[in-house]
Amino acid sequence: AIPGLQRNNRNAQREDDISNIAAAITGIVNNNKGKTVTSTE
């Protein structure tokens, strides 16, 4: 069971990180009145 639990823990951390990135991108889009994100942003 230990490897599966460790894998689930790493996946939960990745999900957190992806959520943070998505929130940052959503913030950029909202601040730019719906325009898509640029590579600079």
All heavy atoms as atom14 arrays in JSON, in Angstrom:
{
  "sequence": "AIPGLQRNNRNAQREDDISNIAAAITGIVNNNKGKTVTSTE",
  "atom14_mask": [
    [1, 1, 1, 1, 1, 0, 0, 0, 0, 0, 0, 0, 0, 0],
    [1, 1, 1, 1, 1, 1, 1, 1, 0, 0, 0, 0, 0, 0],
    [1, 1, 1, 1, 1, 1, 1, 0, 0, 0, 0, 0, 0, 0],
    [1, 1, 1, 1, 0, 0, 0, 0, 0, 0, 0, 0, 0, 0],
    [1, 1, 1, 1, 1, 1, 1, 1, 0, 0, 0, 0, 0, 0],
    [1, 1, 1, 1, 1, 1, 1, 1, 1, 0, 0, 0, 0, 0],
    [1, 1, 1, 1, 1, 1, 1, 1, 1, 1, 1, 0, 0, 0],
    [1, 1, 1, 1, 1, 1, 1, 1, 0, 0, 0, 0, 0, 0],
    [1, 1, 1, 1, 1, 1, 1, 1, 0, 0, 0, 0, 0, 0],
    [1, 1, 1, 1, 1, 1, 1, 1, 1, 1, 1, 0, 0, 0],
    [1, 1, 1, 1, 1, 1, 1, 1, 0, 0, 0, 0, 0, 0],
    [1, 1, 1, 1, 1, 0, 0, 0, 0, 0, 0, 0, 0, 0],
    [1, 1, 1, 1, 1, 1, 1, 1, 1, 0, 0, 0, 0, 0],
    [1, 1, 1, 1, 1, 1, 1, 1, 1, 1, 1, 0, 0, 0],
    [1, 1, 1, 1, 1, 1, 1, 1, 1, 0, 0, 0, 0, 0],
    [1, 1, 1, 1, 1, 1, 1, 1, 0, 0, 0, 0, 0, 0],
    [1, 1, 1, 1, 1, 1, 1, 1, 0, 0, 0, 0, 0, 0],
    [1, 1, 1, 1, 1, 1, 1, 1, 0, 0, 0, 0, 0, 0],
    [1, 1, 1, 1, 1, 1, 0, 0, 0, 0, 0, 0, 0, 0],
    [1, 1, 1, 1, 1, 1, 1, 1, 0, 0, 0, 0, 0, 0],
    [1, 1, 1, 1, 1, 1, 1, 1, 0, 0, 0, 0, 0, 0],
    [1, 1, 1, 1, 1, 0, 0, 0, 0, 0, 0, 0, 0, 0],
    [1, 1, 1, 1, 1, 0, 0, 0, 0, 0, 0, 0, 0, 0],
    [1, 1, 1, 1, 1, 0, 0, 0, 0, 0, 0, 0, 0, 0],
    [1, 1, 1, 1, 1, 1, 1, 1, 0, 0, 0, 0, 0, 0],
    [1, 1, 1, 1, 1, 1, 1, 0, 0, 0, 0, 0, 0, 0],
    [1, 1, 1, 1, 0, 0, 0, 0, 0, 0, 0, 0, 0, 0],
    [1, 1, 1, 1, 1, 1, 1, 1, 0, 0, 0, 0, 0, 0],
    [1, 1, 1, 1, 1, 1, 1, 0, 0, 0, 0, 0, 0, 0],
    [1, 1, 1, 1, 1, 1, 1, 1, 0, 0, 0, 0, 0, 0],
    [1, 1, 1, 1, 1, 1, 1, 1, 0, 0, 0, 0, 0, 0],
    [1, 1, 1, 1, 1, 1, 1, 1, 0, 0, 0, 0, 0, 0],
    [1, 1, 1, 1, 1, 1, 1, 1, 1, 0, 0, 0, 0, 0],
    [1, 1, 1, 1, 0, 0, 0, 0, 0, 0, 0, 0, 0, 0],
    [1, 1, 1, 1, 1, 1, 1, 1, 1, 0, 0, 0, 0, 0],
    [1, 1, 1, 1, 1, 1, 1, 0, 0, 0, 0, 0, 0, 0],
    [1, 1, 1, 1, 1, 1, 1, 0, 0, 0, 0, 0, 0, 0],
    [1, 1, 1, 1, 1, 1, 1, 0, 0, 0, 0, 0, 0, 0],
    [1, 1, 1, 1, 1, 1, 0, 0, 0, 0, 0, 0, 0, 0],
    [1, 1, 1, 1, 1, 1, 1, 0, 0, 0, 0, 0, 0, 0],
    [1, 1, 1, 1, 1, 1, 1, 1, 1, 0, 0, 0, 0, 0]
  ],
  "atom14_positions": [
    [[0.8, -1.22, 0.0], [0.0, 0.0, 0.0], [0.84, 1.27, 0.0], [0.39, 2.3, -0.5], [-0.92, 0.0, 1.21], [0.0, 0.0, 0.0], [0.0, 0.0, 0.0], [0.0, 0.0, 0.0], [0.0, 0.0, 0.0], [0.0, 0.0, 0.0], [0.0, 0.0, 0.0], [0.0, 0.0, 0.0], [0.0, 0.0, 0.0], [0.0, 0.0, 0.0]],
    [[2.05, 1.24, 0.53], [2.86, 2.46, 0.68], [3.14, 3.15, -0.66], [2.95, 4.36, -0.77], [4.14, 2.18, 1.47], [3.78, 2.03, 2.95], [5.18, 3.28, 1.29], [4.94, 1.66, 3.83], [0.0, 0.0, 0.0], [0.0, 0.0, 0.0], [0.0, 0.0, 0.0], [0.0, 0.0, 0.0], [0.0, 0.0, 0.0], [0.0, 0.0, 0.0]],
    [[3.6, 2.45, -1.71], [3.84, 3.17, -2.98], [2.59, 3.85, -3.53], [2.67, 4.95, -4.07], [4.33, 2.07, -3.92], [4.88, 1.02, -3.03], [4.04, 1.06, -1.79], [0.0, 0.0, 0.0], [0.0, 0.0, 0.0], [0.0, 0.0, 0.0], [0.0, 0.0, 0.0], [0.0, 0.0, 0.0], [0.0, 0.0, 0.0], [0.0, 0.0, 0.0]],
    [[1.45, 3.21, -3.41], [0.2, 3.82, -3.88], [-0.14, 5.08, -3.09], [-0.58, 6.08, -3.66], [0.0, 0.0, 0.0], [0.0, 0.0, 0.0], [0.0, 0.0, 0.0], [0.0, 0.0, 0.0], [0.0, 0.0, 0.0], [0.0, 0.0, 0.0], [0.0, 0.0, 0.0], [0.0, 0.0, 0.0], [0.0, 0.0, 0.0], [0.0, 0.0, 0.0]],
    [[0.08, 5.04, -1.79], [-0.19, 6.23, -0.97], [0.77, 7.36, -1.33], [0.37, 8.53, -1.39], [-0.06, 5.87, 0.52], [-1.13, 4.91, 1.06], [-0.78, 4.49, 2.48], [-2.49, 5.55, 1.0], [0.0, 0.0, 0.0], [0.0, 0.0, 0.0], [0.0, 0.0, 0.0], [0.0, 0.0, 0.0], [0.0, 0.0, 0.0], [0.0, 0.0, 0.0]],
    [[2.03, 7.03, -1.55], [3.0, 8.06, -1.94], [2.65, 8.65, -3.3], [2.74, 9.87, -3.5], [4.41, 7.47, -1.97], [4.95, 7.13, -0.6], [6.26, 6.37, -0.67], [6.55, 5.69, -1.65], [7.05, 6.48, 0.39], [0.0, 0.0, 0.0], [0.0, 0.0, 0.0], [0.0, 0.0, 0.0], [0.0, 0.0, 0.0], [0.0, 0.0, 0.0]],
    [[2.24, 7.8, -4.23], [1.84, 8.27, -5.56], [0.64, 9.2, -5.45], [0.59, 10.25, -6.09], [1.54, 7.06, -6.45], [1.12, 7.41, -7.85], [0.9, 6.18, -8.73], [0.0, 5.21, -8.15], [0.33, 3.98, -7.78], [1.57, 3.56, -7.92], [-0.57, 3.15, -7.26], [0.0, 0.0, 0.0], [0.0, 0.0, 0.0], [0.0, 0.0, 0.0]],
    [[-0.35, 8.83, -4.65], [-1.53, 9.67, -4.46], [-1.16, 11.01, -3.85], [-1.74, 12.05, -4.19], [-2.56, 8.96, -3.6], [-3.2, 7.79, -4.33], [-3.1, 7.69, -5.55], [-3.83, 6.92, -3.57], [0.0, 0.0, 0.0], [0.0, 0.0, 0.0], [0.0, 0.0, 0.0], [0.0, 0.0, 0.0], [0.0, 0.0, 0.0], [0.0, 0.0, 0.0]],
    [[-0.2, 11.01, -2.92], [0.26, 12.25, -2.3], [0.92, 13.17, -3.33], [0.65, 14.37, -3.37], [1.21, 11.94, -1.15], [1.53, 13.15, -0.33], [0.81, 14.14, -0.35], [2.63, 13.1, 0.4], [0.0, 0.0, 0.0], [0.0, 0.0, 0.0], [0.0, 0.0, 0.0], [0.0, 0.0, 0.0], [0.0, 0.0, 0.0], [0.0, 0.0, 0.0]],
    [[1.79, 12.6, -4.17], [2.43, 13.4, -5.21], [1.4, 13.93, -6.21], [1.48, 15.08, -6.64], [3.51, 12.59, -5.92], [4.75, 12.33, -5.09], [5.85, 11.71, -5.91], [5.51, 10.41, -6.45], [5.73, 9.25, -5.84], [6.29, 9.22, -4.65], [5.39, 8.11, -6.42], [0.0, 0.0, 0.0], [0.0, 0.0, 0.0], [0.0, 0.0, 0.0]],
    [[0.42, 13.11, -6.57], [-0.63, 13.56, -7.5], [-1.47, 14.67, -6.9], [-1.86, 15.61, -7.59], [-1.51, 12.38, -7.92], [-0.83, 11.48, -8.92], [0.14, 11.86, -9.57], [-1.33, 10.27, -9.04], [0.0, 0.0, 0.0], [0.0, 0.0, 0.0], [0.0, 0.0, 0.0], [0.0, 0.0, 0.0], [0.0, 0.0, 0.0], [0.0, 0.0, 0.0]],
    [[-1.75, 14.58, -5.61], [-2.51, 15.65, -4.94], [-1.71, 16.95, -4.95], [-2.27, 18.03, -5.15], [-2.85, 15.24, -3.51], [0.0, 0.0, 0.0], [0.0, 0.0, 0.0], [0.0, 0.0, 0.0], [0.0, 0.0, 0.0], [0.0, 0.0, 0.0], [0.0, 0.0, 0.0], [0.0, 0.0, 0.0], [0.0, 0.0, 0.0], [0.0, 0.0, 0.0]],
    [[-0.4, 16.85, -4.76], [0.45, 18.05, -4.79], [0.48, 18.64, -6.2], [0.43, 19.85, -6.37], [1.87, 17.7, -4.32], [2.72, 18.92, -4.09], [2.12, 19.82, -3.04], [1.87, 19.39, -1.92], [1.86, 21.05, -3.38], [0.0, 0.0, 0.0], [0.0, 0.0, 0.0], [0.0, 0.0, 0.0], [0.0, 0.0, 0.0], [0.0, 0.0, 0.0]],
    [[0.56, 17.77, -7.22], [0.52, 18.26, -8.61], [-0.81, 18.95, -8.9], [-0.85, 19.98, -9.55], [0.7, 17.09, -9.59], [2.11, 16.64, -9.72], [2.26, 15.57, -10.8], [3.6, 15.03, -10.73], [3.95, 13.98, -10.02], [3.06, 13.32, -9.32], [5.2, 13.56, -10.0], [0.0, 0.0, 0.0], [0.0, 0.0, 0.0], [0.0, 0.0, 0.0]],
    [[-1.9, 18.37, -8.41], [-3.22, 18.97, -8.61], [-3.27, 20.35, -7.97], [-3.83, 21.28, -8.55], [-4.29, 18.05, -8.02], [-5.7, 18.46, -8.35], [-6.09, 18.23, -9.79], [-5.63, 17.25, -10.39], [-6.86, 19.05, -10.31], [0.0, 0.0, 0.0], [0.0, 0.0, 0.0], [0.0, 0.0, 0.0], [0.0, 0.0, 0.0], [0.0, 0.0, 0.0]],
    [[-2.68, 20.5, -6.8], [-2.6, 21.81, -6.14], [-1.82, 22.81, -6.99], [-2.23, 23.95, -7.16], [-1.9, 21.67, -4.79], [-2.85, 21.77, -3.63], [-4.05, 21.92, -3.87], [-2.36, 21.7, -2.49], [0.0, 0.0, 0.0], [0.0, 0.0, 0.0], [0.0, 0.0, 0.0], [0.0, 0.0, 0.0], [0.0, 0.0, 0.0], [0.0, 0.0, 0.0]],
    [[-0.67, 22.35, -7.5], [0.17, 23.23, -8.32], [-0.55, 23.66, -9.6], [-0.5, 24.82, -9.99], [1.49, 22.53, -8.66], [2.36, 22.31, -7.44], [2.13, 22.97, -6.4], [3.27, 21.47, -7.51], [0.0, 0.0, 0.0], [0.0, 0.0, 0.0], [0.0, 0.0, 0.0], [0.0, 0.0, 0.0], [0.0, 0.0, 0.0], [0.0, 0.0, 0.0]],
    [[-1.23, 22.71, -10.23], [-1.97, 23.02, -11.46], [-3.1, 24.01, -11.15], [-3.35, 24.94, -11.91], [-2.52, 21.73, -12.1], [-1.37, 20.82, -12.55], [-3.46, 22.04, -13.24], [-0.45, 21.42, -13.59], [0.0, 0.0, 0.0], [0.0, 0.0, 0.0], [0.0, 0.0, 0.0], [0.0, 0.0, 0.0], [0.0, 0.0, 0.0], [0.0, 0.0, 0.0]],
    [[-3.75, 23.83, -10.01], [-4.81, 24.77, -9.61], [-4.26, 26.17, -9.4], [-4.9, 27.16, -9.76], [-5.49, 24.29, -8.33], [-6.16, 23.08, -8.56], [0.0, 0.0, 0.0], [0.0, 0.0, 0.0], [0.0, 0.0, 0.0], [0.0, 0.0, 0.0], [0.0, 0.0, 0.0], [0.0, 0.0, 0.0], [0.0, 0.0, 0.0], [0.0, 0.0, 0.0]],
    [[-3.06, 26.26, -8.81], [-2.43, 27.58, -8.62], [-2.11, 28.24, -9.95], [-2.33, 29.44, -10.12], [-1.16, 27.44, -7.78], [-1.44, 27.21, -6.33], [-2.51, 27.51, -5.84], [-0.47, 26.66, -5.63], [0.0, 0.0, 0.0], [0.0, 0.0, 0.0], [0.0, 0.0, 0.0], [0.0, 0.0, 0.0], [0.0, 0.0, 0.0], [0.0, 0.0, 0.0]],
    [[-1.59, 27.46, -10.89], [-1.27, 28.01, -12.2], [-2.56, 28.45, -12.91], [-2.62, 29.53, -13.5], [-0.49, 26.98, -13.05], [0.88, 26.7, -12.43], [-0.33, 27.46, -14.48], [1.62, 25.54, -13.06], [0.0, 0.0, 0.0], [0.0, 0.0, 0.0], [0.0, 0.0, 0.0], [0.0, 0.0, 0.0], [0.0, 0.0, 0.0], [0.0, 0.0, 0.0]],
    [[-3.59, 27.62, -12.83], [-4.87, 27.96, -13.47], [-5.47, 29.22, -12.86], [-6.01, 30.07, -13.57], [-5.85, 26.79, -13.35], [0.0, 0.0, 0.0], [0.0, 0.0, 0.0], [0.0, 0.0, 0.0], [0.0, 0.0, 0.0], [0.0, 0.0, 0.0], [0.0, 0.0, 0.0], [0.0, 0.0, 0.0], [0.0, 0.0, 0.0], [0.0, 0.0, 0.0]],
    [[-5.35, 29.37, -11.54], [-5.87, 30.57, -10.87], [-5.1, 31.81, -11.32], [-5.69, 32.88, -11.53], [-5.78, 30.41, -9.36], [0.0, 0.0, 0.0], [0.0, 0.0, 0.0], [0.0, 0.0, 0.0], [0.0, 0.0, 0.0], [0.0, 0.0, 0.0], [0.0, 0.0, 0.0], [0.0, 0.0, 0.0], [0.0, 0.0, 0.0], [0.0, 0.0, 0.0]],
    [[-3.78, 31.67, -11.48], [-2.99, 32.8, -11.95], [-3.37, 33.19, -13.38], [-3.51, 34.38, -13.7], [-1.49, 32.46, -11.88], [0.0, 0.0, 0.0], [0.0, 0.0, 0.0], [0.0, 0.0, 0.0], [0.0, 0.0, 0.0], [0.0, 0.0, 0.0], [0.0, 0.0, 0.0], [0.0, 0.0, 0.0], [0.0, 0.0, 0.0], [0.0, 0.0, 0.0]],
    [[-3.59, 32.2, -14.23], [-3.98, 32.48, -15.62], [-5.37, 33.12, -15.66], [-5.6, 34.08, -16.4], [-3.92, 31.2, -16.47], [-2.47, 30.79, -16.66], [-4.62, 31.38, -17.81], [-2.28, 29.46, -17.33], [0.0, 0.0, 0.0], [0.0, 0.0, 0.0], [0.0, 0.0, 0.0], [0.0, 0.0, 0.0], [0.0, 0.0, 0.0], [0.0, 0.0, 0.0]],
    [[-6.28, 32.62, -14.84], [-7.61, 33.21, -14.77], [-7.54, 34.66, -14.31], [-8.25, 35.53, -14.83], [-8.52, 32.38, -13.83], [-8.57, 31.04, -14.32], [-9.92, 32.95, -13.76], [0.0, 0.0, 0.0], [0.0, 0.0, 0.0], [0.0, 0.0, 0.0], [0.0, 0.0, 0.0], [0.0, 0.0, 0.0], [0.0, 0.0, 0.0], [0.0, 0.0, 0.0]],
    [[-6.67, 34.93, -13.34], [-6.49, 36.31, -12.88], [-5.97, 37.22, -13.98], [-6.43, 38.35, -14.12], [0.0, 0.0, 0.0], [0.0, 0.0, 0.0], [0.0, 0.0, 0.0], [0.0, 0.0, 0.0], [0.0, 0.0, 0.0], [0.0, 0.0, 0.0], [0.0, 0.0, 0.0], [0.0, 0.0, 0.0], [0.0, 0.0, 0.0], [0.0, 0.0, 0.0]],
    [[-5.04, 36.71, -14.78], [-4.51, 37.51, -15.89], [-5.62, 37.79, -16.91], [-5.79, 38.93, -17.36], [-3.35, 36.76, -16.59], [-2.14, 36.71, -15.67], [-2.97, 37.45, -17.89], [-1.04, 35.81, -16.19], [0.0, 0.0, 0.0], [0.0, 0.0, 0.0], [0.0, 0.0, 0.0], [0.0, 0.0, 0.0], [0.0, 0.0, 0.0], [0.0, 0.0, 0.0]],
    [[-6.38, 36.77, -17.27], [-7.46, 36.94, -18.26], [-8.5, 37.93, -17.75], [-8.96, 38.8, -18.48], [-8.1, 35.57, -18.61], [-9.35, 35.75, -19.44], [-7.09, 34.7, -19.34], [0.0, 0.0, 0.0], [0.0, 0.0, 0.0], [0.0, 0.0, 0.0], [0.0, 0.0, 0.0], [0.0, 0.0, 0.0], [0.0, 0.0, 0.0], [0.0, 0.0, 0.0]],
    [[-8.85, 37.83, -16.48], [-9.83, 38.76, -15.91], [-9.3, 40.19, -15.88], [-10.04, 41.14, -16.13], [-10.22, 38.32, -14.5], [-11.07, 37.08, -14.51], [-11.65, 36.71, -15.52], [-11.13, 36.39, -13.38], [0.0, 0.0, 0.0], [0.0, 0.0, 0.0], [0.0, 0.0, 0.0], [0.0, 0.0, 0.0], [0.0, 0.0, 0.0], [0.0, 0.0, 0.0]],
    [[-8.02, 40.36, -15.58], [-7.43, 41.7, -15.55], [-7.27, 42.29, -16.95], [-7.21, 43.5, -17.11], [-6.07, 41.67, -14.86], [-6.2, 41.46, -13.37], [-7.26, 41.69, -12.79], [-5.14, 40.99, -12.75], [0.0, 0.0, 0.0], [0.0, 0.0, 0.0], [0.0, 0.0, 0.0], [0.0, 0.0, 0.0], [0.0, 0.0, 0.0], [0.0, 0.0, 0.0]],
    [[-7.18, 41.42, -17.97], [-7.02, 41.88, -19.35], [-8.34, 41.89, -20.12], [-8.35, 41.83, -21.35], [-6.01, 41.01, -20.1], [-4.61, 41.24, -19.62], [-4.31, 42.26, -19.01], [-3.74, 40.29, -19.88], [0.0, 0.0, 0.0], [0.0, 0.0, 0.0], [0.0, 0.0, 0.0], [0.0, 0.0, 0.0], [0.0, 0.0, 0.0], [0.0, 0.0, 0.0]],
    [[-9.45, 41.93, -19.4], [-10.78, 42.01, -20.0], [-11.05, 40.87, -20.98], [-11.6, 41.07, -22.06], [-10.97, 43.36, -20.69], [-10.86, 44.52, -19.72], [-10.96, 45.83, -20.43], [-10.75, 46.94, -19.41], [-10.61, 48.24, -20.02], [0.0, 0.0, 0.0], [0.0, 0.0, 0.0], [0.0, 0.0, 0.0], [0.0, 0.0, 0.0], [0.0, 0.0, 0.0]],
    [[-10.63, 39.66, -20.61], [-10.93, 38.48, -21.4], [-9.95, 38.15, -22.49], [-10.13, 37.16, -23.2], [0.0, 0.0, 0.0], [0.0, 0.0, 0.0], [0.0, 0.0, 0.0], [0.0, 0.0, 0.0], [0.0, 0.0, 0.0], [0.0, 0.0, 0.0], [0.0, 0.0, 0.0], [0.0, 0.0, 0.0], [0.0, 0.0, 0.0], [0.0, 0.0, 0.0]],
    [[-8.89, 38.93, -22.65], [-7.9, 38.62, -23.69], [-7.08, 37.41, -23.26], [-6.87, 37.17, -22.08], [-6.97, 39.8, -23.93], [-7.68, 40.99, -24.54], [-6.71, 42.11, -24.76], [-7.44, 43.34, -25.3], [-6.57, 44.5, -25.35], [0.0, 0.0, 0.0], [0.0, 0.0, 0.0], [0.0, 0.0, 0.0], [0.0, 0.0, 0.0], [0.0, 0.0, 0.0]],
    [[-6.59, 36.66, -24.24], [-5.81, 35.47, -23.92], [-4.47, 35.84, -23.29], [-3.99, 36.96, -23.42], [-5.55, 34.62, -25.19], [-4.89, 35.45, -26.14], [-6.82, 34.08, -25.76], [0.0, 0.0, 0.0], [0.0, 0.0, 0.0], [0.0, 0.0, 0.0], [0.0, 0.0, 0.0], [0.0, 0.0, 0.0], [0.0, 0.0, 0.0], [0.0, 0.0, 0.0]],
    [[-3.88, 34.88, -22.64], [-2.62, 35.07, -21.93], [-1.48, 35.13, -22.94], [-1.44, 34.38, -23.9], [-2.39, 33.9, -20.96], [-1.15, 34.1, -20.15], [-3.58, 33.71, -20.06], [0.0, 0.0, 0.0], [0.0, 0.0, 0.0], [0.0, 0.0, 0.0], [0.0, 0.0, 0.0], [0.0, 0.0, 0.0], [0.0, 0.0, 0.0], [0.0, 0.0, 0.0]],
    [[-0.54, 36.04, -22.71], [0.64, 36.13, -23.58], [1.8, 35.38, -22.93], [1.79, 35.08, -21.74], [1.05, 37.59, -23.8], [1.48, 38.14, -22.55], [-0.08, 38.41, -24.37], [0.0, 0.0, 0.0], [0.0, 0.0, 0.0], [0.0, 0.0, 0.0], [0.0, 0.0, 0.0], [0.0, 0.0, 0.0], [0.0, 0.0, 0.0], [0.0, 0.0, 0.0]],
    [[2.82, 35.09, -23.73], [3.98, 34.38, -23.19], [4.71, 35.22, -22.15], [5.3, 34.69, -21.22], [4.92, 33.96, -24.31], [5.33, 35.08, -25.06], [0.0, 0.0, 0.0], [0.0, 0.0, 0.0], [0.0, 0.0, 0.0], [0.0, 0.0, 0.0], [0.0, 0.0, 0.0], [0.0, 0.0, 0.0], [0.0, 0.0, 0.0], [0.0, 0.0, 0.0]],
    [[4.66, 36.56, -22.27], [5.27, 37.43, -21.26], [4.57, 37.27, -19.93], [5.22, 37.19, -18.88], [5.19, 38.9, -21.72], [5.77, 39.03, -23.01], [5.9, 39.81, -20.74], [0.0, 0.0, 0.0], [0.0, 0.0, 0.0], [0.0, 0.0, 0.0], [0.0, 0.0, 0.0], [0.0, 0.0, 0.0], [0.0, 0.0, 0.0], [0.0, 0.0, 0.0]],
    [[3.26, 37.2, -19.96], [2.51, 37.02, -18.72], [2.74, 35.64, -18.12], [2.83, 35.49, -16.9], [1.01, 37.26, -18.99], [0.71, 38.7, -19.33], [-0.66, 38.87, -19.96], [-1.15, 37.95, -20.64], [-1.24, 39.95, -19.78], [0.0, 0.0, 0.0], [0.0, 0.0, 0.0], [0.0, 0.0, 0.0], [0.0, 0.0, 0.0], [0.0, 0.0, 0.0]]
  ]
}
